[in-house]
Every structure is written in C-alpha cells, then in structure tokens.
Protein backbone atom coordinates (compact mmCIF):
# COMPACT_ATOMS: atom_id res chain seq x y z
CA UNK A 1 -7.13 24.17 -31.15
CA UNK A 2 -10.54 23.39 -32.59
CA UNK A 3 -11.77 19.84 -32.79
CA UNK A 4 -11.79 19.86 -36.61
CA UNK A 5 -8.10 20.81 -36.57
CA UNK A 6 -7.30 18.16 -33.96
CA UNK A 7 -8.82 15.23 -35.88
CA UNK A 8 -6.70 16.14 -38.93
CA UNK A 9 -3.48 15.65 -36.99
CA UNK A 10 -1.50 12.43 -37.43
CA UNK A 11 -1.03 10.14 -34.39
CA UNK A 12 2.39 11.58 -33.50
CA UNK A 13 1.11 15.17 -33.66
CA UNK A 14 -1.84 14.19 -31.47
CA UNK A 15 0.51 12.56 -29.00
CA UNK A 16 2.74 15.63 -28.69
CA UNK A 17 -0.29 17.93 -28.53
CA UNK A 18 -1.81 15.92 -25.68
CA UNK A 19 1.59 15.56 -24.00
CA UNK A 20 2.17 19.33 -24.16
CA UNK A 21 -1.26 20.02 -22.67
CA UNK A 22 -0.66 17.45 -19.94
CA UNK A 23 2.66 19.08 -19.00
CA UNK A 24 1.04 22.53 -18.98
CA UNK A 25 -1.78 21.27 -16.79
CA UNK A 26 0.53 19.24 -14.52
CA UNK A 27 1.25 22.04 -11.97
CA UNK A 28 -2.45 22.85 -11.62
CA UNK A 29 -3.31 19.16 -11.27
CA UNK A 30 -0.64 18.71 -8.62
CA UNK A 31 -2.11 21.76 -6.92
CA UNK A 32 -5.54 20.16 -7.06
CA UNK A 33 -4.17 17.03 -5.39
CA UNK A 34 -2.64 19.03 -2.56
CA UNK A 35 -5.83 21.05 -2.23
CA UNK A 36 -7.79 17.81 -1.97
CA UNK A 37 -5.39 16.59 0.71
CA UNK A 38 -5.80 19.92 2.49
CA UNK A 39 -9.59 19.65 2.32
CA UNK A 40 -9.36 16.13 3.70
CA UNK A 41 -7.34 17.22 6.73
CA UNK A 42 -9.57 20.26 7.12
CA UNK A 43 -12.59 17.97 7.39
CA UNK A 44 -10.76 15.92 9.99
CA UNK A 45 -9.91 18.94 12.12
CA UNK A 46 -13.39 20.41 11.68
CA UNK A 47 -14.86 17.06 12.71
CA UNK A 48 -12.61 16.95 15.77
CA UNK A 49 -13.64 20.49 16.64
CA UNK A 50 -17.34 19.64 16.30
CA UNK A 51 -16.75 16.56 18.39
CA UNK A 52 -15.27 18.61 21.23
CA UNK A 53 -18.09 21.15 20.94
CA UNK A 54 -20.70 18.39 21.09
CA UNK A 55 -18.90 16.75 24.01
CA UNK A 56 -19.06 19.89 26.16
CA UNK A 57 -22.57 20.80 24.94
CA UNK A 58 -23.89 17.43 26.09
CA UNK A 59 -22.26 17.94 29.47
CA UNK A 60 -23.75 21.40 29.91
CA UNK A 61 -27.26 20.35 28.83
CA UNK A 62 -27.17 16.99 30.57
CA UNK A 63 -28.80 16.28 33.91
CA UNK A 64 -27.05 14.81 36.94
CA UNK A 65 -27.12 11.24 35.56
CA UNK A 66 -25.67 12.32 32.21
CA UNK A 67 -22.97 14.39 33.91
CA UNK A 68 -22.07 11.46 36.15
CA UNK A 69 -21.78 9.29 33.02
CA UNK A 70 -18.76 11.39 32.05
CA UNK A 71 -16.97 9.88 35.07
CA UNK A 72 -18.71 6.52 35.43
CA UNK A 73 -19.39 5.21 31.94
CA UNK A 74 -22.84 3.73 31.49
CA UNK A 75 -24.30 5.27 34.67
CA UNK A 76 -26.97 7.23 32.80
CA UNK A 77 -27.99 4.10 30.87
CA UNK A 78 -28.25 1.96 34.01
CA UNK A 79 -30.42 4.39 36.02
CA UNK A 80 -32.77 4.84 33.05
CA UNK A 81 -33.35 1.18 32.36
CA UNK A 82 -30.71 0.29 29.75
CA UNK A 83 -28.92 -1.99 32.18
CA UNK A 84 -27.24 -4.26 29.60
CA UNK A 85 -25.70 -1.45 27.58
CA UNK A 86 -24.73 0.43 30.73
CA UNK A 87 -22.95 -2.60 32.18
CA UNK A 88 -21.00 -3.05 28.94
CA UNK A 89 -19.84 0.59 29.07
CA UNK A 90 -18.92 0.27 32.74
CA UNK A 91 -17.06 -3.01 32.16
CA UNK A 92 -15.11 -1.38 29.33
CA UNK A 93 -14.01 1.46 31.63
CA UNK A 94 -12.96 -0.93 34.39
CA UNK A 95 -11.03 -3.12 31.94
CA UNK A 96 -9.26 -0.06 30.52
CA UNK A 97 -8.24 1.20 33.96
CA UNK A 98 -6.89 -2.23 34.90
CA UNK A 99 -5.02 -2.42 31.60
CA UNK A 100 -3.38 0.95 32.12
CA UNK A 101 -2.46 0.22 35.74
CA UNK A 102 -1.32 -3.40 35.58
CA UNK A 103 -1.08 -4.43 31.91
CA UNK A 104 0.83 -3.46 28.79
CA UNK A 105 -0.27 0.14 29.17
CA UNK A 106 2.06 0.59 32.13
CA UNK A 107 4.96 -0.92 30.19
CA UNK A 108 4.18 0.72 26.87
CA UNK A 109 3.75 4.26 28.21
CA UNK A 110 5.65 3.93 31.47
CA UNK A 111 9.17 4.84 32.43
CA UNK A 112 10.65 2.30 30.01
CA UNK A 113 8.09 2.62 27.23
CA UNK A 114 7.62 4.30 23.89
CA UNK A 115 9.12 7.60 25.06
CA UNK A 116 12.71 6.43 25.33
CA UNK A 117 12.56 2.74 24.34
CA UNK A 118 14.80 1.87 27.29
CA UNK A 119 15.45 2.74 30.90
CA UNK A 120 15.53 6.30 32.25
CA UNK A 121 18.37 6.99 34.68
CA UNK A 122 19.04 10.27 36.49
CA UNK A 123 17.54 12.37 33.74
CA UNK A 124 19.55 10.66 31.01
CA UNK A 125 18.20 8.21 28.48
CA UNK A 126 20.12 4.95 28.23
CA UNK A 127 19.71 1.29 27.43
CA UNK A 128 20.33 -1.90 29.35
CA UNK A 129 22.03 -3.76 26.53
CA UNK A 130 22.86 -6.68 28.82
CA UNK A 131 21.21 -8.30 31.77
CA UNK A 132 21.99 -6.47 35.02
CA UNK A 133 21.56 -6.63 38.79
CA UNK A 134 19.06 -4.38 40.56
CA UNK A 135 17.56 -4.02 44.05
CA UNK A 136 14.01 -5.31 44.49
CA UNK A 137 12.00 -2.50 46.12
CA UNK A 138 9.81 -5.00 48.02
CA UNK A 139 12.35 -7.50 49.38
CA UNK A 140 15.44 -5.31 49.31
CA UNK A 141 17.43 -8.10 47.67
CA UNK A 142 19.55 -7.90 44.55
CA UNK A 143 17.81 -9.60 41.62
CA UNK A 144 18.98 -10.43 38.14
CA UNK A 145 17.09 -8.24 35.63
CA UNK A 146 16.79 -9.04 31.91
CA UNK A 147 18.03 -6.63 29.28
CA UNK A 148 15.64 -4.05 27.87
CA UNK A 149 13.99 -4.93 24.56
CA UNK A 150 13.37 -1.78 22.52
CA UNK A 151 11.38 -3.67 19.91
CA UNK A 152 8.99 -5.02 22.53
CA UNK A 153 8.69 -1.66 24.23
CA UNK A 154 7.84 0.07 20.95
CA UNK A 155 5.28 -2.61 20.10
CA UNK A 156 3.69 -2.33 23.56
CA UNK A 157 3.62 1.44 23.22
CA UNK A 158 1.91 1.33 19.82
CA UNK A 159 -0.62 -1.23 21.08
CA UNK A 160 -1.31 0.95 24.09
CA UNK A 161 -1.88 4.06 21.96
CA UNK A 162 -4.27 2.13 19.70
CA UNK A 163 -6.19 0.82 22.73
CA UNK A 164 -6.37 4.35 24.18
CA UNK A 165 -7.75 5.65 20.87
CA UNK A 166 -10.32 2.84 20.82
CA UNK A 167 -11.32 3.60 24.41
CA UNK A 168 -11.79 7.28 23.59
CA UNK A 169 -14.17 6.32 20.79
CA UNK A 170 -16.17 4.09 23.14
CA UNK A 171 -16.09 6.75 25.86
CA UNK A 172 -17.53 9.39 23.52
CA UNK A 173 -20.16 6.89 22.39
CA UNK A 174 -21.09 6.32 26.05
CA UNK A 175 -21.61 10.05 26.65
CA UNK A 176 -23.73 10.32 23.50
CA UNK A 177 -25.79 7.33 24.60
CA UNK A 178 -26.39 8.82 28.06
CA UNK A 179 -27.53 12.15 26.60
CA UNK A 180 -29.69 10.47 23.96
CA UNK A 181 -31.56 8.36 26.52
CA UNK A 182 -32.07 11.51 28.62
CA UNK A 183 -33.72 13.20 25.63
CA UNK A 184 -35.86 10.13 24.95
CA UNK A 185 -37.09 10.11 28.56
CA UNK A 186 -37.86 13.82 28.37
CA UNK A 187 -39.90 13.25 25.19
CA UNK A 188 -41.83 10.41 26.82
CA UNK A 189 -40.30 7.73 24.59
CA UNK A 190 -39.34 4.29 25.82
CA UNK A 191 -35.61 3.51 25.50
CA UNK A 192 -34.60 0.33 23.71
CA UNK A 193 -33.88 -2.64 25.93
CA UNK A 194 -30.72 -4.71 25.62
CA UNK A 195 -32.70 -7.43 23.81
CA UNK A 196 -34.01 -4.87 21.32
CA UNK A 197 -30.47 -3.58 20.73
CA UNK A 198 -29.32 -7.13 19.93
CA UNK A 199 -32.30 -7.60 17.60
CA UNK A 200 -31.43 -4.35 15.84
CA UNK A 201 -27.86 -5.57 15.30
CA UNK A 202 -29.31 -8.63 13.58
CA UNK A 203 -31.79 -6.64 11.50
CA UNK A 204 -31.55 -2.98 10.44
CA UNK A 205 -27.98 -2.63 11.81
CA UNK A 206 -26.82 -5.97 10.50
CA UNK A 207 -24.15 -4.22 8.40
CA UNK A 208 -22.51 -3.11 11.66
CA UNK A 209 -22.46 -6.71 12.89
CA UNK A 210 -20.96 -7.97 9.63
CA UNK A 211 -18.27 -5.28 9.51
CA UNK A 212 -17.26 -5.57 13.17
CA UNK A 213 -15.00 -8.62 12.80
CA UNK A 214 -13.30 -7.52 9.56
CA UNK A 215 -12.67 -4.08 11.06
CA UNK A 216 -11.14 -5.67 14.16
CA UNK A 217 -8.87 -7.97 12.16
CA UNK A 218 -7.79 -5.15 9.81
CA UNK A 219 -6.93 -3.03 12.85
CA UNK A 220 -4.86 -5.80 14.42
CA UNK A 221 -3.13 -7.26 11.37
CA UNK A 222 -2.91 -4.22 9.06
CA UNK A 223 -3.19 -0.87 10.81
CA UNK A 224 -1.13 -1.82 13.87
CA UNK A 225 1.80 -3.23 11.79
CA UNK A 226 1.65 -0.19 9.50
CA UNK A 227 1.94 2.21 12.43
CA UNK A 228 4.77 0.10 13.85
CA UNK A 229 6.61 0.08 10.51
CA UNK A 230 6.26 3.84 10.08
CA UNK A 231 7.66 4.46 13.55
CA UNK A 232 10.62 2.13 12.89
CA UNK A 233 11.69 4.53 10.11
CA UNK A 234 12.29 7.22 12.75
CA UNK A 235 14.63 5.05 14.84
CA UNK A 236 18.16 3.72 14.38
CA UNK A 237 17.02 0.09 14.49
CA UNK A 238 19.42 -2.05 12.47
CA UNK A 239 21.60 -5.09 12.97
CA UNK A 240 24.02 -3.19 15.21
CA UNK A 241 21.30 -1.47 17.28
CA UNK A 242 19.08 -4.07 18.93
CA UNK A 243 18.58 -1.42 21.62
CA UNK A 244 17.55 1.51 19.49
CA UNK A 245 16.25 5.02 20.04
CA UNK A 246 14.49 7.81 18.20
CA UNK A 247 16.60 9.62 15.58
CA UNK A 248 13.93 11.69 13.80
CA UNK A 249 14.40 12.09 10.04
CA UNK A 250 18.00 10.90 10.07
CA UNK A 251 17.17 7.70 8.15
CA UNK A 252 15.39 9.65 5.42
CA UNK A 253 18.49 11.82 5.15
CA UNK A 254 20.56 8.68 4.48
CA UNK A 255 18.53 7.59 1.45
CA UNK A 256 18.96 11.04 -0.14
CA UNK A 257 22.61 11.51 0.89
CA UNK A 258 25.15 12.34 -1.82
CA UNK A 259 28.24 12.69 0.36
CA UNK A 260 29.59 11.21 3.55
CA UNK A 261 29.16 7.75 5.04
CA UNK A 262 25.64 7.37 3.64
CA UNK A 263 26.51 8.35 0.06
CA UNK A 264 26.36 4.71 -1.11
CA UNK A 265 22.84 4.34 0.30
CA UNK A 266 21.75 7.54 -1.42
CA UNK A 267 23.29 6.44 -4.72
CA UNK A 268 21.56 3.07 -4.47
CA UNK A 269 18.18 4.64 -3.72
CA UNK A 270 18.39 7.01 -6.71
CA UNK A 271 19.64 4.29 -9.06
CA UNK A 272 17.00 1.77 -8.06
CA UNK A 273 14.23 4.39 -8.12
CA UNK A 274 15.06 5.23 -11.75
CA UNK A 275 15.20 1.55 -12.70
CA UNK A 276 11.95 0.80 -10.82
CA UNK A 277 10.08 3.49 -12.77
CA UNK A 278 11.61 2.40 -16.10
CA UNK A 279 10.71 -1.22 -15.34
CA UNK A 280 7.15 -0.30 -14.33
CA UNK A 281 6.57 1.71 -17.52
CA UNK A 282 7.93 -0.96 -19.89
CA UNK A 283 6.35 -3.87 -18.02
CA UNK A 284 2.95 -2.14 -18.08
CA UNK A 285 2.92 -0.60 -21.56
CA UNK A 286 4.48 -3.51 -23.47
CA UNK A 287 2.27 -6.13 -21.83
CA UNK A 288 -0.79 -3.98 -22.45
CA UNK A 289 -0.11 -3.15 -26.11
CA UNK A 290 1.22 -6.57 -27.14
CA UNK A 291 -1.54 -8.41 -25.27
CA UNK A 292 -4.13 -6.24 -27.01
CA UNK A 293 -2.54 -6.88 -30.41
CA UNK A 294 -2.59 -10.65 -29.85
CA UNK A 295 -6.22 -10.44 -28.71
CA UNK A 296 -7.08 -8.49 -31.87
CA UNK A 297 -5.39 -11.14 -33.98
CA UNK A 298 -7.39 -13.91 -32.29
CA UNK A 299 -10.67 -11.98 -32.64
CA UNK A 300 -10.07 -11.04 -36.29
CA UNK A 301 -12.52 -12.36 -38.82
CA UNK A 302 -11.22 -15.34 -40.71
CA UNK A 303 -9.08 -16.70 -37.87
CA UNK A 304 -9.97 -20.33 -37.27
CA UNK A 305 -9.96 -22.21 -33.95
CA UNK A 306 -10.40 -19.04 -31.89
CA UNK A 307 -11.58 -21.03 -28.87
CA UNK A 308 -8.41 -23.15 -29.05
CA UNK A 309 -6.08 -20.12 -29.00
CA UNK A 310 -7.95 -18.56 -26.09
CA UNK A 311 -7.84 -21.89 -24.21
CA UNK A 312 -4.08 -22.17 -24.71
CA UNK A 313 -3.56 -18.75 -23.14
CA UNK A 314 -5.88 -19.64 -20.25
CA UNK A 315 -3.80 -22.78 -19.65
CA UNK A 316 -0.63 -20.69 -19.41
CA UNK A 317 -2.31 -18.49 -16.81
CA UNK A 318 -3.32 -21.59 -14.84
CA UNK A 319 0.35 -22.50 -14.32
CA UNK A 320 1.62 -20.80 -11.11
CA UNK A 321 3.76 -17.82 -12.02
CA UNK A 322 6.63 -18.79 -9.72
CA UNK A 323 6.93 -22.14 -11.54
CA UNK A 324 7.23 -20.37 -14.89
CA UNK A 325 9.78 -17.91 -13.54
CA UNK A 326 11.95 -20.59 -11.92
CA UNK A 327 11.86 -22.55 -15.18
CA UNK A 328 12.96 -19.47 -17.14
CA UNK A 329 15.72 -18.85 -14.60
CA UNK A 330 17.08 -22.34 -15.26
CA UNK A 331 16.74 -21.94 -19.04
CA UNK A 332 18.69 -18.65 -18.89
CA UNK A 333 21.48 -20.11 -16.73
CA UNK A 334 24.98 -19.06 -17.79
CA UNK A 335 26.62 -22.48 -17.69
CA UNK A 336 23.98 -25.09 -18.50
CA UNK A 337 20.96 -23.05 -19.55
CA UNK A 338 18.95 -24.47 -22.43
CA UNK A 339 18.85 -21.14 -24.28
CA UNK A 340 22.64 -20.76 -24.30
CA UNK A 341 23.13 -24.40 -25.35
CA UNK A 342 20.66 -24.06 -28.24
CA UNK A 343 22.18 -20.78 -29.46
CA UNK A 344 25.67 -22.27 -29.34
CA UNK A 345 24.53 -25.43 -31.11
CA UNK A 346 22.97 -23.36 -33.91
CA UNK A 347 26.17 -21.33 -34.21
CA UNK A 348 24.48 -18.03 -33.39
CA UNK A 349 26.86 -17.35 -30.47
CA UNK A 350 30.33 -18.71 -29.68
CA UNK A 351 30.40 -18.03 -25.94
CA UNK A 352 27.43 -18.35 -23.54
CA UNK A 353 25.66 -15.12 -22.65
CA UNK A 354 25.31 -14.27 -18.97
CA UNK A 355 21.69 -13.15 -19.25
CA UNK A 356 21.14 -12.55 -15.54
CA UNK A 357 24.54 -12.12 -13.87
CA UNK A 358 26.71 -9.93 -16.11
CA UNK A 359 27.72 -7.09 -13.78
CA UNK A 360 29.80 -5.35 -16.46
CA UNK A 361 26.70 -5.04 -18.68
CA UNK A 362 23.71 -4.79 -16.31
CA UNK A 363 21.44 -3.68 -19.17
CA UNK A 364 21.44 -7.28 -20.46
CA UNK A 365 19.77 -8.55 -17.28
CA UNK A 366 17.35 -5.62 -17.27
CA UNK A 367 16.24 -6.27 -20.85
CA UNK A 368 15.99 -9.99 -20.06
CA UNK A 369 13.62 -9.53 -17.13
CA UNK A 370 11.44 -7.18 -19.19
CA UNK A 371 11.22 -9.75 -22.00
CA UNK A 372 10.44 -12.59 -19.59
CA UNK A 373 7.79 -10.47 -17.91
CA UNK A 374 6.19 -9.89 -21.34
CA UNK A 375 6.08 -13.65 -21.88
CA UNK A 376 4.52 -14.20 -18.45
CA UNK A 377 2.13 -11.22 -18.48
CA UNK A 378 0.67 -11.14 -21.99
CA UNK A 379 -1.88 -13.95 -21.35
CA UNK A 380 -3.46 -11.91 -18.52
CA UNK A 381 -3.85 -8.90 -20.81
CA UNK A 382 -5.35 -11.07 -23.54
CA UNK A 383 -7.99 -12.42 -21.18
CA UNK A 384 -8.88 -8.95 -19.87
CA UNK A 385 -9.00 -7.21 -23.27
CA UNK A 386 -10.69 -9.94 -25.31
CA UNK A 387 -14.14 -9.34 -23.85
CA UNK A 388 -13.82 -5.57 -24.18
CA UNK A 389 -12.66 -5.78 -27.79
CA UNK A 390 -15.66 -7.91 -28.72
CA UNK A 391 -17.95 -5.17 -27.33
CA UNK A 392 -16.58 -2.37 -29.52
CA UNK A 393 -19.35 -1.53 -32.04
CA UNK A 394 -18.52 -3.08 -35.42
CA UNK A 395 -20.05 -0.13 -37.29
CA UNK A 396 -17.20 2.08 -36.06
CA UNK A 397 -14.71 -0.09 -37.93
CA UNK A 398 -16.98 -0.28 -40.99
CA UNK A 399 -17.26 3.50 -41.11
CA UNK A 400 -13.49 3.84 -40.74
CA UNK A 401 -12.92 1.36 -43.57
CA UNK A 402 -15.31 3.28 -45.86
CA UNK A 403 -13.41 6.48 -45.05
CA UNK A 404 -10.17 4.78 -46.15
CA UNK A 405 -8.67 4.00 -42.74
CA UNK A 406 -6.30 1.04 -42.62
CA UNK A 407 -5.74 -1.39 -39.71
CA UNK A 408 -3.17 0.85 -38.01
CA UNK A 409 -5.37 3.93 -38.30
CA UNK A 410 -8.38 2.02 -36.96
CA UNK A 411 -6.32 0.73 -34.05
CA UNK A 412 -4.99 4.19 -33.14
CA UNK A 413 -8.26 6.07 -33.60
CA UNK A 414 -10.86 3.52 -32.41
CA UNK A 415 -9.46 0.52 -30.57
CA UNK A 416 -6.81 2.18 -28.42
CA UNK A 417 -8.93 5.17 -27.23
CA UNK A 418 -11.84 2.84 -26.38
CA UNK A 419 -9.58 0.43 -24.50
CA UNK A 420 -7.82 3.21 -22.61
CA UNK A 421 -11.16 4.71 -21.58
CA UNK A 422 -12.41 1.39 -20.20
CA UNK A 423 -9.18 -0.04 -18.76
CA UNK A 424 -7.50 3.04 -17.25
CA UNK A 425 -8.12 1.87 -13.65
CA UNK A 426 -6.64 -1.53 -14.61
CA UNK A 427 -3.58 0.18 -16.12
CA UNK A 428 -3.03 2.25 -12.99
CA UNK A 429 -3.27 -0.76 -10.69
CA UNK A 430 -0.98 -2.75 -13.03
CA UNK A 431 1.58 0.06 -13.01
CA UNK A 432 1.54 0.22 -9.21
CA UNK A 433 1.69 -3.58 -9.08
CA UNK A 434 4.78 -3.56 -11.31
CA UNK A 435 6.49 -1.03 -9.05
CA UNK A 436 6.06 -3.64 -6.31
CA UNK A 437 6.54 -6.68 -8.59
CA UNK A 438 8.63 -8.82 -6.29
CA UNK A 439 8.22 -12.23 -7.98
CA UNK A 440 9.69 -11.58 -11.42
CA UNK A 441 12.87 -9.87 -10.23
CA UNK A 442 13.57 -12.05 -7.21
CA UNK A 443 12.80 -15.44 -8.77
CA UNK A 444 14.71 -14.69 -11.97
CA UNK A 445 17.78 -12.90 -10.66
CA UNK A 446 17.94 -13.57 -6.91
CA UNK A 447 21.40 -12.40 -5.84
CA UNK A 448 22.96 -12.78 -9.32
CA UNK A 449 23.16 -9.01 -9.78
CA UNK A 450 24.59 -8.10 -6.36
CA UNK A 451 27.15 -5.32 -6.86
CA UNK A 452 29.73 -3.66 -4.61
CA UNK A 453 28.83 -0.35 -6.25
CA UNK A 454 25.37 -0.51 -4.65
CA UNK A 455 24.39 -0.95 -1.02
CA UNK A 456 23.03 -4.48 -0.47
CA UNK A 457 21.44 -4.49 -3.93
CA UNK A 458 21.85 -5.54 -7.55
CA UNK A 459 21.28 -3.64 -10.76
CA UNK A 460 18.01 -5.46 -11.44
CA UNK A 461 16.64 -4.96 -7.93
CA UNK A 462 13.50 -2.89 -7.55
CA UNK A 463 12.91 -0.83 -4.43
CA UNK A 464 10.71 -3.62 -3.06
CA UNK A 465 13.36 -6.33 -3.54
CA UNK A 466 15.99 -4.02 -2.06
CA UNK A 467 13.69 -3.53 0.91
CA UNK A 468 13.47 -7.32 1.21
CA UNK A 469 17.27 -7.67 1.17
CA UNK A 470 17.67 -4.94 3.79
CA UNK A 471 15.34 -6.71 6.21
CA UNK A 472 16.28 -10.37 5.68
CA UNK A 473 20.00 -10.12 4.87
CA UNK A 474 21.55 -7.00 6.38
CA UNK A 475 19.00 -6.18 9.09
CA UNK A 476 18.68 -2.48 8.15
CA UNK A 477 15.11 -2.31 9.40
CA UNK A 478 14.94 1.47 9.76
CA UNK A 479 16.24 2.00 6.22
CA UNK A 480 13.77 -0.56 4.85
CA UNK A 481 10.89 1.14 6.67
CA UNK A 482 11.88 4.55 5.27
CA UNK A 483 12.04 3.09 1.74
CA UNK A 484 8.61 1.53 2.23
CA UNK A 485 7.19 4.94 3.16
CA UNK A 486 8.78 6.56 0.09
CA UNK A 487 7.39 3.82 -2.19
CA UNK A 488 3.92 4.42 -0.75
CA UNK A 489 4.20 8.17 -1.37
CA UNK A 490 5.29 7.61 -4.98
CA UNK A 491 2.54 5.05 -5.66
CA UNK A 492 -0.18 7.18 -4.07
CA UNK A 493 0.91 10.33 -5.95
CA UNK A 494 1.15 8.58 -9.32
CA UNK A 495 -2.24 6.90 -8.83
CA UNK A 496 -4.03 10.12 -7.89
CA UNK A 497 -2.48 12.21 -10.67
CA UNK A 498 -2.88 9.71 -13.51
CA UNK A 499 -6.41 8.70 -12.65
CA UNK A 500 -7.68 12.25 -12.25
CA UNK A 501 -6.16 13.24 -15.61
CA UNK A 502 -7.99 10.53 -17.54
CA UNK A 503 -11.40 10.59 -19.23
CA UNK A 504 -12.41 7.59 -17.11
CA UNK A 505 -12.54 9.91 -14.12
CA UNK A 506 -13.82 13.05 -15.86
CA UNK A 507 -16.50 11.44 -18.06
CA UNK A 508 -17.11 8.07 -16.47
CA UNK A 509 -20.59 7.66 -17.97
CA UNK A 510 -19.73 8.23 -21.61
CA UNK A 511 -17.14 7.45 -24.24
CA UNK A 512 -16.27 9.76 -27.08
C-alpha cells in the first residue's frame, strides 16, 4: 500500500492493516531473535576457541619462565621484577589449592557433593535422611554422624563451581601477564612496578577499581542465587523431600501436564498464565491511555489551576502504594467494607457484593483488581506523559485543526503516535513489571481467592504470587523455581520481540 492510500484510512482500518503486517512479519521477527541468540552463542564459542588458541600459543612462544608460570602462577612476573603482582598470583593459586583440598571445594565436589546431593554407597546413590553411626577412620571408634543436607551440598557445589570459574579467569590472566612481560623485556621496555600498577588503578584504569566491588556483590548476591534457583528446578526439592536428588526436566513436565497426578498443576499453570497476560495487557494499556487523557485534560488551554491538579496527583504518588492498596482492601471488604455500606445505603444494591472473594464468579475479583490498579497507577502515567505532551509542537495541532481534524482525530494521528514513539521502552518495562506485579494482587486479595480447583492458588493470582505461595506455604521449591524460569523466558521473549518491532528501535533518531 502506498503512503497516500494509508493516510486516507480511518483509525480502525489502520489498526487492522498494521496488525495484519505485524502478524505476517511475526515469524521472520521470531527467526531474527533466534538468529541473534545463535550469533550470541557463536561469539561465545568463538571467543572460547580463540582463548584456547591463545593459551597454547603463549605456551609455545614463551620462554622457560613463561612456561613455568603455567604451573606456578606469577613465577614469570617475580623473576622479571614484578614481585608484587607475581606474589598476588602465587597467593591466589595457593589459596585455591587449599580451598579445594580442605575447604568447601572438597565438600561441594567431593563424594557427597553436587553430583549426588547425598552419600554414595557401594555404587548406589542414597541419602542419610537421619543421623547415623559410622566408624571414624582415624580412631576406629563409632561416632554419631549428622544427616546429610542436600540443600547445603548443592549450595557448596555451586559456590565451588563459581570459585573454580573465577580462578580460571585469574589463571589465564596470569599466563597473559607472564607472556606480556616477556615481550616487554625482549623489546627493551621496563615493566610496570607494583606501585605503578596501583597508580594506574587510581588513574587511567579507575573504572576497573570502581566496578570491582559492584561486580563482586552482584556475583555473590545475584548471580550465585540465580544459578542456585535454576538448579533447584531440576531437582525434586519440596516439602516432602528435604533430601532431594536430580530429576532432570520432570518438574517442567508437571507444569505442562494435562493428565495424571500432575494434571492439577498443569491446569493451574495454564489458567494463571492466561490471566497473567490478560492482567498485564489491561493494566498497562488502560493506565497508559487513561493517564494520557487526564494529562491532556490538565494541559488543555483554558483549564485553570493546572499546577494544583498536577500537585494533587503528585501527592497521591507520594503515599506508599501498599498503604493505598490495604485501604482499598478494607473498603472493598464483604461484610463491613465502606463501598458495600454506601451502595446499600443508597439503595443501589440489596445484598453486599463480594468484590474480592466470590469464588463462583471470579471475574468480579479480576475486574476489581484491574480497576483498583487503574486508580493507583494513573498518577504515575500522568507525571511521565505530562512533560512529553508539552513538548509536542503546537503547529502540528494547528495544522490539523485547519484541515478539519477534531480532538479525537488529533489524538489518534498526532498525540498517540508521538507518545508511543517516545515511551515505547517505558511501555515494555511497565508490561513486564505488571506480569510480576506482586503488590496489587497480594495486598488486595491475599488468600481470598484460594480455590480447590487450582493447585495452591486463587483465580486472581498471577504466576509471581503463585510462585510466592508455593515457596512460603506449600514448600514446592522445585515447582516454584521452574515457574520462575518460565516467567523469565516469557518476559525476555516479549521484550525482545516488541521492542525490535517498534519505530523506537528502528528509527531512534527521528519521529515521523
């Protein structure tokens, strides 16, 4: 279709035209995403291959001191004058060896470590679920041994693997440093002293110094727990299996099961996934559109006390969200809620409405939480869109008015496209945030929607609140971990596809 034909379409025709093109292009865009993922992993494997090639090349071209550095870390640095750096490399190697021989490394990767998560007896994997008696190899006496702790063994194993990976990085850096100082000596250059290295870390390499601590804390408090959580999904760790073992993809099979003992879990996962996506769409789109409309009304010429209206919305944002949600939960109470009492007093209803706990009509609670979320979320959208709306060129609206466009036409043709172009990243993050919007659902409904037709969940539960119930109430840790992985996959896929389909990504430097 030519552009002149496109601009003559009405808004609904434009929507269906764009929707049809998006659906046609969807397979190719999904293919592009997988190709990008493939290129990413290809770069990783190519980088690993180059790393191995460089490792062996340095060994072949290195002299005796460099070759010896492959066994004794830091040796090449020490004999060539970089004593401080060499001692640090050597101390790291000694500490790693001691860790693997006497520390958590022996427990984490030893006979009772991450391999079997319990003891290994006569070629068969088993678990000491209770304390037991064993013979001390040193004294020959019977001693009382504590029960195995699979959780601790898995954690020690993950920590050990992370430490091994970190050591490998330092080890490769040590071989590079030894070969580099060899080349510098051969070229007649003077290697940097330890004091000069420290000065460089406080000057031209200061970014390395600044990022060192955040990187360490992220590794300890984010990456390590993530790895641990992912591994939990491949075990049978739940309330009845404190001593658990590896079960592969069995847990993922449970959340997609349609028959058998796990059918209820599969039904719950499908039901809550559909509701989570419906909730995320309505919570994002309605808040965005209605917030923009209110902002337009405040910014419209002729409206008095604009600063007052903006201040009132800022004040509502200043109130903690959990306070507002708990207040709304009390107002919507079935027995003594203010809303039911007012409606009955006015004669609008005869019997109180169970806004949040009617299991026979779960759609009432679902509509209620969407409406409450609109009330809570609109002020944020107003604040975000107000500044952008004021920056839309006024001559665009004047030209549209001269051409006979009304307010609705101007909104659809000028305001909305401009706002979508600028705020697409915000919309994507808001959509993902609503998929994981724990506060609204949990603080409003709590356990009011718990149903026997679902597994440990209610009709208003999102996947994230179901995950919370599985971990804190029923102890289904492996199921919760598997759900967390699936939520991440959905969020990552939606983010990549939607962002790459928008003009914000394709033409980020211009708006048309």
